[in-house]
Amino acid sequence: KQNATVSIIHSKTKDPEKITREADIIIAAAGVPNLVRGSWIKPGAVVIDVGINPVN
């Protein structure tokens, strides 16, 4: 695609669900568990999760 818009979402972003629902490609690398929820991802979107977080 041409003319892509890159958006950065973090834990303080207002309405991350709206932004995520519009994404064709999502790269999650926040290190925050469940920052991106499966219900936010539109059908056909590509998701790459490279975030890590400690597990107690």
Protein backbone atom coordinates (compact mmCIF):
# COMPACT_ATOMS: atom_id res chain seq x y z
CA LYS A 1 0.00 0.00 0.00
CA GLN A 2 1.00 3.58 -0.45
CA ASN A 3 0.49 6.52 1.86
CA ALA A 4 0.37 4.46 5.05
CA THR A 5 -0.23 6.17 8.38
CA VAL A 6 1.81 4.96 11.35
CA SER A 7 0.20 5.28 14.78
CA ILE A 8 1.89 4.71 18.12
CA ILE A 9 -0.30 3.59 20.99
CA HIS A 10 0.81 3.32 24.61
CA SER A 11 -0.84 2.71 27.97
CA LYS A 12 -1.95 6.36 28.24
CA THR A 13 -3.39 6.71 24.71
CA LYS A 14 -7.02 7.79 24.67
CA ASP A 15 -9.31 5.28 22.93
CA PRO A 16 -6.68 2.77 21.75
CA GLU A 17 -9.49 0.42 20.70
CA LYS A 18 -10.68 2.79 17.96
CA ILE A 19 -7.18 3.19 16.54
CA THR A 20 -6.44 -0.54 16.71
CA ARG A 21 -9.71 -1.52 15.00
CA GLU A 22 -8.65 0.46 11.90
CA ALA A 23 -5.17 -1.10 11.64
CA ASP A 24 -4.16 -3.48 8.87
CA ILE A 25 -0.87 -4.34 10.62
CA ILE A 26 -0.37 -4.33 14.39
CA ILE A 27 3.05 -4.70 15.99
CA ALA A 28 2.66 -5.04 19.75
CA ALA A 29 5.85 -4.42 21.72
CA ALA A 30 4.64 -2.61 24.82
CA GLY A 31 5.58 -5.10 27.52
CA VAL A 32 2.13 -4.50 29.01
CA PRO A 33 -0.07 -7.59 29.18
CA ASN A 34 -3.42 -7.33 27.37
CA LEU A 35 -2.77 -3.84 26.01
CA VAL A 36 -4.19 -5.05 22.68
CA ARG A 37 -7.28 -7.22 22.99
CA GLY A 38 -8.30 -9.81 20.42
CA SER A 39 -11.75 -8.27 20.04
CA TRP A 40 -10.10 -5.06 18.79
CA ILE A 41 -8.46 -6.75 15.79
CA LYS A 42 -10.35 -6.64 12.52
CA PRO A 43 -10.57 -9.76 10.35
CA GLY A 44 -7.58 -10.11 8.04
CA ALA A 45 -5.27 -7.87 10.09
CA VAL A 46 -1.70 -9.03 10.63
CA VAL A 47 -0.53 -9.10 14.27
CA ILE A 48 3.10 -9.38 15.34
CA ASP A 49 3.59 -9.58 19.11
CA VAL A 50 7.16 -8.99 20.25
CA GLY A 51 6.41 -7.70 23.74
CA ILE A 52 7.58 -9.49 26.86
CA ASN A 53 6.52 -9.10 30.47
CA PRO A 54 7.36 -10.90 33.70
CA VAL A 55 5.10 -13.67 34.95
CA ASN A 56 4.78 -14.15 38.70
